[in-house]
Amino acid sequence: MSFGRPSLSTSFRPTLNSDLSMDAIDTCDAKCIGPIDTLRLDFKAPRLRNWSRETLRQLQALGCLFEPGRCAASPLIVTQEFYGGMLDDVHALLHLARRVAVDEGRALQWARADQRVLVKAGLGHRRFAPIARPDGIVLDGHLQLLELNLDSGLGGFFEVELLQRRLVELQAFSGTSYRVPHVLAALHGYLRDVMQWVDKPTCTLAVMVDKHLTPYNQSHAHLLCDSLNCGIQGMNARVVPTKALFREGDVMRDSLSSFDIVWRFGSMAHAPEQLRDCIAVQLETLATRTQLISSPSDIGVESKLSLALLSQIADEEDPSLSTQERQLVARSVPWTRILREGRTMRDGNLCDLTRFASSERASLVLKRAHSKSSQQVLIGMEMSDAAWKASLRKALVDPIPWVVQQNIQSEPLSFSYPHGEADFQTLSQSYSINPFIFANAEAAPFIRIERDPCNRRLAIANVGATATAGLVIARERCE
């Protein structure tokens, strides 16, 4: 199968147009209320309208966010204290989840049946630092994680990089003073570390792409290779269809060259028949000196089940967690349980789990393990009582486990959107913060804004249920 390069503009590269003068004008107030808010902007300024329209044009050229109201012109502004604390907690929780799943033997138990052999093979190989993009909601001043997404970390980062680079341009003409984090710099830093371990001045990298990926995702695989080749000295990356990869001696190669690194591009939550070739190639790669990222063992750190176990053992004051680790889970994980018959802790008291789940529909979400992009996520408040109870009964007998989780929502913030040629519409909306994790590098998060409070499923940026915005860090502590 041919994976042709799509015709895309270089929309994630900053280009000032003639309307964005470098003369400073007082259009923004960089102060915010509390640790997080949206940046105050003067939406009457013509240059801001031009900036916003150009941002939308570049996003559309990238292939996403076509409809009005999908990209907020007002970015989040956070304090460095909040931002740094959020990243510290996310890193610590990812390592803790790896420990309870991998080091304590649950990864094979949790792995999907068709992937168990791959997880088992991966457990015996070098594990690089985590790649992830967890889904999180800000509650009580902390980011609480709804899912870990520990074996992915790729979806959406070109959209975020474009938004962040546009915010650099906004700062240039608005006279504001804030710090703009990026994504690609963190990703490049991660791969430079992998290259150091390979210990070669030049490295060949195959971005392995399955044929079932959408043209949009395939285009981002090409953008990724362009970014790596331009941004990392000694890197030679290109997109390679999964079926084109094969083992020759102690390396993986295709018909053109051998590879030092193979990067599996895309989620492992697709259907088994779609992933059969991908799993076979990863197993072959593990038998060579070619480095495979991300770690196959992280597939066993199941995104929902890991959080459910951590929530449970923290509530039970299990001695396998230290006091500090229990505090981390308490502030970083909403109440979550693997659905099963039996009793569990809720608010310091024992309760029957299935009876509680049945009676508390409006406050719970039901999620199937090994699902992706809001598939098989049931929100109790959006369902009838009968439909919810029927779903619980089906989930209890499903060979793949389900979890029930507290339904949490952020405090709404004011986001503004271009409305016509000369106006903006400001809406009060809830949002999620989804940090990109590339080892210990700092990367800007993916912000997802709820367009419809009756359709709260978290979804990728080119799904109409969500909008997005950028994020900046205040130079001074917000008042």
Protein backbone atom coordinates (compact mmCIF):
# COMPACT_ATOMS: atom_id res chain seq x y z
CA MET A 1 0.00 0.00 0.00
CA SER A 2 1.23 3.48 -0.81
CA PHE A 3 1.36 6.12 1.90
CA GLY A 4 1.62 9.25 -0.22
CA ARG A 5 2.51 12.58 1.32
CA PRO A 6 -0.57 14.83 1.53
CA SER A 7 -0.50 18.39 0.28
CA LEU A 8 -0.44 20.42 3.50
CA SER A 9 0.68 23.92 4.25
CA THR A 10 3.48 24.48 6.73
CA SER A 11 0.78 25.68 9.08
CA PHE A 12 2.53 24.80 12.31
CA ARG A 13 5.48 27.06 11.43
CA PRO A 14 5.10 30.67 12.63
CA THR A 15 4.66 33.28 9.92
CA LEU A 16 3.72 36.85 10.78
CA ASN A 17 1.35 38.34 8.25
CA SER A 18 1.28 42.01 7.36
CA ASP A 19 -1.62 42.77 9.71
CA LEU A 20 0.32 41.69 12.81
CA SER A 21 2.53 44.67 13.45
CA MET A 22 5.37 44.23 15.92
CA ASP A 23 4.39 47.53 17.54
CA ALA A 24 3.22 46.80 21.07
CA ILE A 25 -0.41 47.68 21.78
CA ASP A 26 -2.28 47.32 25.03
CA THR A 27 -4.82 44.64 24.09
CA CYS A 28 -4.33 42.17 26.93
CA ASP A 29 -4.33 41.96 30.68
CA ALA A 30 -2.00 39.12 31.65
CA LYS A 31 -3.30 38.90 35.22
CA CYS A 32 -5.55 35.98 36.08
CA ILE A 33 -7.69 34.98 39.03
CA GLY A 34 -6.39 32.04 41.03
CA PRO A 35 -4.03 29.43 39.57
CA ILE A 36 -5.86 29.17 36.22
CA ASP A 37 -8.08 31.36 34.04
CA THR A 38 -8.34 32.57 30.45
CA LEU A 39 -6.19 35.41 29.15
CA ARG A 40 -8.00 38.75 29.06
CA LEU A 41 -8.03 40.10 25.50
CA ASP A 42 -9.43 43.20 23.84
CA PHE A 43 -11.57 41.61 21.14
CA LYS A 44 -12.30 45.01 19.55
CA ALA A 45 -8.71 45.23 18.29
CA PRO A 46 -8.62 44.61 14.49
CA ARG A 47 -5.21 42.93 14.73
CA LEU A 48 -6.59 40.40 17.21
CA ARG A 49 -9.44 39.56 14.83
CA ASN A 50 -6.94 39.13 12.01
CA TRP A 51 -4.73 36.96 14.22
CA SER A 52 -7.68 34.78 15.19
CA ARG A 53 -8.89 34.34 11.60
CA GLU A 54 -5.37 33.45 10.45
CA THR A 55 -5.08 30.89 13.26
CA LEU A 56 -8.32 29.26 12.11
CA ARG A 57 -7.10 29.24 8.51
CA GLN A 58 -3.90 27.46 9.49
CA LEU A 59 -5.77 24.88 11.57
CA GLN A 60 -8.07 24.17 8.64
CA ALA A 61 -5.04 23.78 6.37
CA LEU A 62 -3.73 21.23 8.85
CA GLY A 63 -6.96 19.27 8.37
CA CYS A 64 -8.98 19.87 11.53
CA LEU A 65 -11.42 22.21 13.30
CA PHE A 66 -13.38 23.22 10.24
CA GLU A 67 -16.56 24.40 11.96
CA PRO A 68 -17.08 27.78 13.68
CA GLY A 69 -16.63 27.72 17.43
CA ARG A 70 -13.95 25.04 17.44
CA CYS A 71 -10.91 27.13 18.41
CA ALA A 72 -11.01 29.68 21.24
CA ALA A 73 -9.08 32.91 20.71
CA SER A 74 -8.59 33.24 24.48
CA PRO A 75 -5.91 30.81 25.76
CA LEU A 76 -5.70 29.47 29.27
CA ILE A 77 -3.25 31.31 31.51
CA VAL A 78 -1.84 29.39 34.47
CA THR A 79 0.67 30.08 37.18
CA GLN A 80 4.07 28.42 37.08
CA GLU A 81 3.24 26.94 40.48
CA PHE A 82 0.14 25.21 39.10
CA TYR A 83 1.84 24.16 35.86
CA GLY A 84 4.93 22.74 37.53
CA GLY A 85 2.91 20.98 40.22
CA MET A 86 0.62 19.46 37.60
CA LEU A 87 3.55 18.02 35.64
CA ASP A 88 5.25 16.73 38.80
CA ASP A 89 2.06 14.91 39.82
CA VAL A 90 1.49 13.45 36.34
CA HIS A 91 5.06 12.14 36.12
CA ALA A 92 4.84 10.64 39.61
CA LEU A 93 1.48 8.98 38.89
CA LEU A 94 2.69 7.48 35.60
CA HIS A 95 5.67 5.90 37.35
CA LEU A 96 3.40 4.65 40.15
CA ALA A 97 0.98 3.14 37.63
CA ARG A 98 3.89 1.42 35.88
CA ARG A 99 5.01 0.00 39.20
CA VAL A 100 1.68 -1.47 40.29
CA ALA A 101 0.94 -2.84 36.80
CA VAL A 102 4.34 -4.04 35.60
CA ASP A 103 6.53 -4.59 38.61
CA GLU A 104 3.74 -6.22 40.61
CA GLY A 105 2.64 -8.53 37.81
CA ARG A 106 -0.72 -7.17 36.68
CA ALA A 107 0.29 -6.14 33.16
CA LEU A 108 -0.19 -9.59 31.65
CA GLN A 109 -3.51 -10.03 33.44
CA TRP A 110 -4.75 -6.68 32.10
CA ALA A 111 -3.37 -7.01 28.55
CA ARG A 112 -5.86 -7.62 25.79
CA ALA A 113 -5.82 -11.28 24.74
CA ASP A 114 -4.38 -10.62 21.28
CA GLN A 115 -1.60 -8.47 22.78
CA ARG A 116 -0.58 -10.57 25.78
CA VAL A 117 2.35 -12.19 23.99
CA LEU A 118 3.65 -8.74 22.99
CA VAL A 119 3.36 -7.37 26.53
CA LYS A 120 5.15 -10.45 27.89
CA ALA A 121 7.99 -10.01 25.38
CA GLY A 122 8.23 -6.30 26.20
CA LEU A 123 8.57 -6.92 29.92
CA GLY A 124 12.01 -8.40 29.39
CA HIS A 125 13.37 -5.48 27.37
CA ARG A 126 14.62 -2.00 28.10
CA ARG A 127 11.81 0.37 29.03
CA PHE A 128 12.45 3.94 28.04
CA ALA A 129 10.80 6.67 30.08
CA PRO A 130 7.04 6.98 29.54
CA ILE A 131 5.33 8.53 26.55
CA ALA A 132 1.78 9.53 27.42
CA ARG A 133 -1.06 11.99 26.99
CA PRO A 134 -3.36 11.53 30.00
CA ASP A 135 -6.85 13.04 30.08
CA GLY A 136 -7.36 15.30 33.10
CA ILE A 137 -9.90 17.62 34.73
CA VAL A 138 -8.92 20.50 37.04
CA LEU A 139 -10.75 20.11 40.35
CA ASP A 140 -9.93 21.76 43.67
CA GLY A 141 -6.76 23.27 42.23
CA HIS A 142 -5.30 19.95 41.03
CA LEU A 143 -5.37 18.01 37.78
CA GLN A 144 -7.29 14.75 38.28
CA LEU A 145 -6.59 12.09 35.66
CA LEU A 146 -9.47 10.27 34.01
CA GLU A 147 -7.32 8.02 31.80
CA LEU A 148 -3.56 7.50 31.46
CA ASN A 149 -3.07 6.89 27.71
CA LEU A 150 0.37 5.66 28.61
CA ASP A 151 1.23 3.85 25.36
CA SER A 152 0.30 6.65 22.96
CA GLY A 153 1.17 10.31 23.49
CA LEU A 154 0.85 11.32 19.84
CA GLY A 155 -2.71 12.35 19.04
CA GLY A 156 -3.23 16.09 18.68
CA PHE A 157 0.28 17.40 19.18
CA PHE A 158 0.56 19.15 15.81
CA GLU A 159 -2.66 21.05 16.54
CA VAL A 160 -1.24 22.06 19.91
CA GLU A 161 2.13 23.04 18.44
CA LEU A 162 0.39 25.25 15.87
CA LEU A 163 -1.68 26.97 18.58
CA GLN A 164 1.35 27.53 20.79
CA ARG A 165 3.39 29.04 17.97
CA ARG A 166 0.50 31.32 17.14
CA LEU A 167 0.52 32.47 20.79
CA VAL A 168 4.16 33.51 20.38
CA GLU A 169 2.98 35.75 17.57
CA LEU A 170 0.11 37.10 19.65
CA GLN A 171 2.59 38.06 22.35
CA ALA A 172 4.78 39.80 19.79
CA PHE A 173 2.12 42.32 18.79
CA SER A 174 -0.01 42.51 21.96
CA GLY A 175 2.61 43.72 24.44
CA THR A 176 1.88 40.91 26.92
CA SER A 177 4.50 39.03 28.88
CA TYR A 178 3.98 35.31 29.37
CA ARG A 179 5.85 32.07 28.67
CA VAL A 180 4.72 29.79 25.86
CA PRO A 181 5.53 26.07 26.23
CA HIS A 182 5.81 23.94 23.07
CA VAL A 183 5.40 20.26 22.17
CA LEU A 184 7.92 19.48 19.44
CA ALA A 185 10.92 20.62 21.49
CA ALA A 186 10.00 18.07 24.17
CA LEU A 187 9.51 15.31 21.60
CA HIS A 188 12.86 16.12 19.99
CA GLY A 189 14.55 16.01 23.39
CA TYR A 190 13.07 12.58 24.06
CA LEU A 191 14.40 11.18 20.79
CA ARG A 192 17.82 12.74 21.29
CA ASP A 193 18.02 10.72 24.51
CA VAL A 194 17.07 7.55 22.62
CA MET A 195 19.74 8.34 20.03
CA GLN A 196 22.35 8.68 22.80
CA TRP A 197 21.44 5.22 24.04
CA VAL A 198 21.73 3.85 20.48
CA ASP A 199 25.16 5.55 20.50
CA LYS A 200 25.38 6.45 16.83
CA PRO A 201 26.01 9.94 15.37
CA THR A 202 23.26 9.35 12.81
CA CYS A 203 20.12 7.26 13.31
CA THR A 204 17.52 5.90 10.94
CA LEU A 205 13.96 5.86 12.30
CA ALA A 206 10.89 4.16 10.85
CA VAL A 207 7.53 5.68 11.79
CA MET A 208 5.45 2.53 11.46
CA VAL A 209 1.96 3.29 10.10
CA ASP A 210 -0.89 0.79 9.80
CA LYS A 211 -3.10 0.82 6.72
CA HIS A 212 -6.30 1.36 8.73
CA LEU A 213 -5.24 4.81 9.95
CA THR A 214 -7.19 7.72 8.50
CA PRO A 215 -5.63 9.99 5.86
CA TYR A 216 -5.55 12.69 8.54
CA ASN A 217 -3.45 10.51 10.86
CA GLN A 218 -1.26 9.36 8.00
CA SER A 219 -0.57 13.00 7.13
CA HIS A 220 0.60 13.60 10.69
CA ALA A 221 3.03 10.70 10.45
CA HIS A 222 4.65 12.54 7.53
CA LEU A 223 4.65 15.80 9.48
CA LEU A 224 6.32 13.99 12.35
CA CYS A 225 9.13 12.77 10.09
CA ASP A 226 9.59 16.24 8.61
CA SER A 227 9.84 17.67 12.12
CA LEU A 228 12.38 15.09 13.27
CA ASN A 229 14.57 15.45 10.19
CA CYS A 230 14.61 19.25 10.47
CA GLY A 231 14.89 19.45 14.24
CA ILE A 232 17.33 16.68 15.25
CA GLN A 233 20.85 16.58 13.92
CA GLY A 234 21.76 13.14 12.59
CA MET A 235 18.14 11.93 12.38
CA ASN A 236 16.83 10.29 9.21
CA ALA A 237 13.15 9.49 9.75
CA ARG A 238 10.54 8.35 7.25
CA VAL A 239 7.08 6.80 7.21
CA VAL A 240 7.06 3.05 6.60
CA PRO A 241 3.90 0.91 6.16
CA THR A 242 3.83 -1.87 8.74
CA LYS A 243 3.84 -4.65 6.12
CA ALA A 244 7.00 -3.20 4.53
CA LEU A 245 9.07 -3.89 7.67
CA PHE A 246 10.89 -7.19 8.08
CA ARG A 247 13.75 -8.68 10.08
CA GLU A 248 17.14 -9.21 8.51
CA GLY A 249 19.71 -10.62 10.92
CA ASP A 250 19.72 -8.47 14.04
CA VAL A 251 18.01 -5.38 12.59
CA MET A 252 14.64 -4.34 11.17
CA ARG A 253 14.56 -2.95 7.65
CA ASP A 254 12.47 -2.31 4.57
CA SER A 255 13.47 -2.51 0.91
CA LEU A 256 15.50 0.72 1.19
CA SER A 257 17.47 0.61 4.45
CA SER A 258 17.85 -0.83 7.94
CA PHE A 259 16.57 1.03 10.99
CA ASP A 260 18.04 1.89 14.38
CA ILE A 261 14.65 2.86 15.84
CA VAL A 262 11.08 1.83 15.06
CA TRP A 263 8.35 4.14 16.38
CA ARG A 264 4.90 2.53 16.52
CA PHE A 265 2.54 5.30 15.41
CA GLY A 266 -1.04 5.09 16.68
CA SER A 267 -3.12 3.47 19.37
CA MET A 268 -3.16 -0.22 20.28
CA ALA A 269 -6.89 -0.03 21.05
CA HIS A 270 -8.00 -0.74 17.49
CA ALA A 271 -9.68 -4.04 16.56
CA PRO A 272 -7.51 -7.20 16.73
CA GLU A 273 -7.69 -7.84 12.98
CA GLN A 274 -6.38 -4.32 12.33
CA LEU A 275 -3.43 -4.77 14.69
CA ARG A 276 -2.33 -8.29 13.77
CA ASP A 277 0.52 -7.20 11.48
CA CYS A 278 1.54 -4.41 13.87
CA ILE A 279 1.89 -6.87 16.75
CA ALA A 280 3.91 -9.30 14.61
CA VAL A 281 6.34 -6.56 13.53
CA GLN A 282 6.80 -5.36 17.11
CA LEU A 283 7.60 -8.91 18.24
CA GLU A 284 10.18 -9.19 15.47
CA THR A 285 11.68 -5.83 16.45
CA LEU A 286 12.10 -6.94 20.06
CA ALA A 287 14.23 -9.84 18.81
CA THR A 288 16.70 -7.44 17.12
CA ARG A 289 18.98 -4.60 18.22
CA THR A 290 16.59 -2.09 16.62
CA GLN A 291 14.98 -0.03 19.40
CA LEU A 292 11.18 -0.10 19.65
CA ILE A 293 9.23 2.81 21.08
CA SER A 294 6.97 3.18 22.87
CA SER A 295 7.50 0.28 25.27
CA PRO A 296 5.15 -2.68 24.54
CA SER A 297 5.03 -3.39 28.26
CA ASP A 298 3.15 -0.11 28.72
CA ILE A 299 0.20 -1.61 26.83
CA GLY A 300 -0.32 -3.65 29.99
CA VAL A 301 -0.52 -0.49 32.12
CA GLU A 302 -4.14 -0.28 31.00
CA SER A 303 -5.34 3.31 30.88
CA LYS A 304 -8.47 2.85 33.01
CA LEU A 305 -7.72 -0.27 35.04
CA SER A 306 -4.49 1.18 36.45
CA LEU A 307 -6.31 4.23 37.81
CA ALA A 308 -9.06 2.03 39.25
CA LEU A 309 -6.54 -0.10 41.14
CA LEU A 310 -4.67 2.95 42.43
CA SER A 311 -7.93 4.55 43.58
CA GLN A 312 -8.96 1.37 45.38
CA ILE A 313 -5.72 0.57 47.19
CA ALA A 314 -5.26 4.21 48.21
CA ASP A 315 -8.76 4.29 49.74
CA GLU A 316 -8.04 0.99 51.53
CA GLU A 317 -4.72 2.38 52.85
CA ASP A 318 -2.95 -0.60 51.33
CA PRO A 319 0.64 -0.84 52.67
CA SER A 320 1.97 -1.24 49.12
CA LEU A 321 1.56 2.55 48.83
CA SER A 322 3.42 4.99 51.03
CA THR A 323 1.59 7.83 52.74
CA GLN A 324 2.98 10.22 50.14
CA GLU A 325 1.77 7.98 47.30
CA ARG A 326 -1.71 7.73 48.81
CA GLN A 327 -1.82 11.53 48.98
CA LEU A 328 -0.74 11.70 45.34
CA VAL A 329 -3.58 9.37 44.30
CA ALA A 330 -6.09 11.26 46.46
CA ARG A 331 -5.41 14.56 44.69
CA SER A 332 -4.77 13.14 41.20
CA VAL A 333 -7.37 10.37 40.65
CA PRO A 334 -11.15 10.67 40.99
CA TRP A 335 -12.94 7.76 42.69
CA THR A 336 -12.63 4.85 40.21
CA ARG A 337 -13.30 1.09 40.53
CA ILE A 338 -13.17 -2.00 38.35
CA LEU A 339 -16.81 -3.08 38.07
CA ARG A 340 -17.37 -6.37 39.89
CA GLU A 341 -19.57 -8.03 42.47
CA GLY A 342 -18.51 -7.26 46.04
CA ARG A 343 -17.91 -4.45 48.49
CA THR A 344 -15.66 -1.43 48.22
CA MET A 345 -14.78 1.82 49.97
CA ARG A 346 -16.68 5.00 49.16
CA ASP A 347 -16.28 8.16 51.26
CA GLY A 348 -14.65 6.15 54.05
CA ASN A 349 -17.44 3.56 54.25
CA LEU A 350 -17.90 0.08 52.81
CA CYS A 351 -20.66 -0.26 50.22
CA ASP A 352 -21.89 -2.85 47.75
CA LEU A 353 -20.22 -1.77 44.50
CA THR A 354 -22.86 -2.90 41.99
CA ARG A 355 -25.73 -1.58 44.10
CA PHE A 356 -23.95 1.76 44.51
CA ALA A 357 -23.23 1.96 40.77
CA SER A 358 -26.86 1.20 39.99
CA SER A 359 -28.29 3.82 42.35
CA GLU A 360 -25.80 6.63 41.64
CA ARG A 361 -26.19 6.82 37.86
CA ALA A 362 -26.10 10.63 37.68
CA SER A 363 -22.71 10.87 39.38
CA LEU A 364 -20.88 8.09 37.51
CA VAL A 365 -19.31 7.21 34.17
CA LEU A 366 -19.00 3.63 32.89
CA LYS A 367 -15.96 2.85 30.70
CA ARG A 368 -14.75 -0.29 28.97
CA ALA A 369 -11.04 -1.10 29.16
CA HIS A 370 -9.05 -1.09 25.90
CA SER A 371 -11.37 1.43 24.21
CA LYS A 372 -10.31 4.70 22.60
CA SER A 373 -11.58 8.14 21.59
CA SER A 374 -14.69 8.01 23.82
CA GLN A 375 -15.81 4.68 22.34
CA GLN A 376 -17.70 2.59 24.92
CA VAL A 377 -17.86 5.44 27.42
CA LEU A 378 -21.31 5.76 28.99
CA ILE A 379 -22.16 8.87 31.01
CA GLY A 380 -24.89 8.14 33.54
CA MET A 381 -26.48 11.58 33.52
CA GLU A 382 -27.02 11.30 29.75
CA MET A 383 -28.86 7.95 30.04
CA SER A 384 -32.21 6.76 31.31
CA ASP A 385 -32.23 4.74 34.52
CA ALA A 386 -33.28 1.60 32.66
CA ALA A 387 -30.56 1.97 30.01
CA TRP A 388 -27.90 2.56 32.68
CA LYS A 389 -28.88 -0.54 34.66
CA ALA A 390 -28.97 -2.65 31.51
CA SER A 391 -25.46 -1.42 30.62
CA LEU A 392 -24.18 -2.34 34.07
CA ARG A 393 -25.57 -5.87 33.71
CA LYS A 394 -23.89 -6.31 30.32
CA ALA A 395 -20.61 -4.90 31.61
CA LEU A 396 -20.53 -7.35 34.52
CA VAL A 397 -20.52 -10.36 32.16
CA ASP A 398 -18.21 -8.87 29.51
CA PRO A 399 -14.88 -10.76 29.33
CA ILE A 400 -13.18 -7.36 29.00
CA PRO A 401 -13.48 -5.45 32.30
CA TRP A 402 -15.26 -2.12 32.75
CA VAL A 403 -14.66 0.60 35.32
CA VAL A 404 -17.03 3.01 37.06
CA GLN A 405 -15.65 6.45 37.77
CA GLN A 406 -16.84 9.57 39.50
CA ASN A 407 -18.14 12.03 36.91
CA ILE A 408 -16.17 15.21 37.51
CA GLN A 409 -16.26 18.52 35.68
CA SER A 410 -14.07 21.59 35.77
CA GLU A 411 -15.30 24.97 36.90
CA PRO A 412 -16.33 26.81 33.70
CA LEU A 413 -14.12 29.54 32.28
CA SER A 414 -14.90 32.23 29.70
CA PHE A 415 -13.70 31.27 26.20
CA SER A 416 -14.15 33.63 23.25
CA TYR A 417 -14.60 32.64 19.60
CA PRO A 418 -14.64 34.61 16.33
CA HIS A 419 -18.25 35.30 15.35
CA GLY A 420 -18.65 36.75 11.88
CA GLU A 421 -16.22 39.22 10.40
CA ALA A 422 -16.01 41.74 13.24
CA ASP A 423 -17.34 40.19 16.43
CA PHE A 424 -16.58 37.54 19.06
CA GLN A 425 -18.86 35.26 21.05
CA THR A 426 -17.88 34.57 24.68
CA LEU A 427 -19.13 31.36 26.31
CA SER A 428 -18.77 29.90 29.82
CA GLN A 429 -17.48 26.35 29.26
CA SER A 430 -15.83 23.47 31.07
CA TYR A 431 -12.54 22.09 29.80
CA SER A 432 -9.95 19.37 30.21
CA ILE A 433 -6.15 19.58 30.31
CA ASN A 434 -4.30 16.70 28.67
CA PRO A 435 -0.52 16.93 29.24
CA PHE A 436 1.89 15.50 26.68
CA ILE A 437 4.61 13.50 28.41
CA PHE A 438 7.85 12.69 26.60
CA ALA A 439 10.04 11.32 29.39
CA ASN A 440 10.80 14.28 31.68
CA ALA A 441 10.58 16.98 29.01
CA GLU A 442 8.08 19.81 29.44
CA ALA A 443 5.46 19.96 26.70
CA ALA A 444 2.37 22.12 26.26
CA PRO A 445 -0.88 20.26 27.00
CA PHE A 446 -3.84 19.60 24.75
CA ILE A 447 -6.81 21.71 25.95
CA ARG A 448 -10.25 20.31 25.14
CA ILE A 449 -13.33 22.47 25.70
CA GLU A 450 -16.85 21.10 26.03
CA ARG A 451 -19.03 22.59 23.31
CA ASP A 452 -22.11 20.71 24.48
CA PRO A 453 -22.62 19.95 28.23
CA CYS A 454 -24.92 17.08 27.20
CA ASN A 455 -22.15 15.43 25.19
CA ARG A 456 -19.18 15.33 27.53
CA ARG A 457 -17.19 12.51 25.98
CA LEU A 458 -13.57 13.50 25.60
CA ALA A 459 -12.62 13.22 21.97
CA ILE A 460 -9.83 14.20 19.64
CA ALA A 461 -9.71 17.68 18.15
CA ASN A 462 -11.27 16.78 14.80
CA VAL A 463 -14.42 15.44 16.50
CA GLY A 464 -17.18 18.03 16.68
CA ALA A 465 -18.04 17.59 20.39
CA THR A 466 -15.00 19.58 21.49
CA ALA A 467 -13.20 22.84 20.92
CA THR A 468 -9.61 23.66 21.78
CA ALA A 469 -7.40 26.52 22.96
CA GLY A 470 -3.75 27.21 23.69
CA LEU A 471 -2.06 27.69 27.07
CA VAL A 472 0.45 30.22 28.42
CA ILE A 473 2.27 30.50 31.75
CA ALA A 474 2.12 33.73 33.71
CA ARG A 475 5.47 35.48 34.32
CA GLU A 476 4.28 36.41 37.80
CA ARG A 477 2.05 34.68 40.30
CA CYS A 478 -1.56 35.43 39.45
CA GLU A 479 -3.54 37.50 41.89
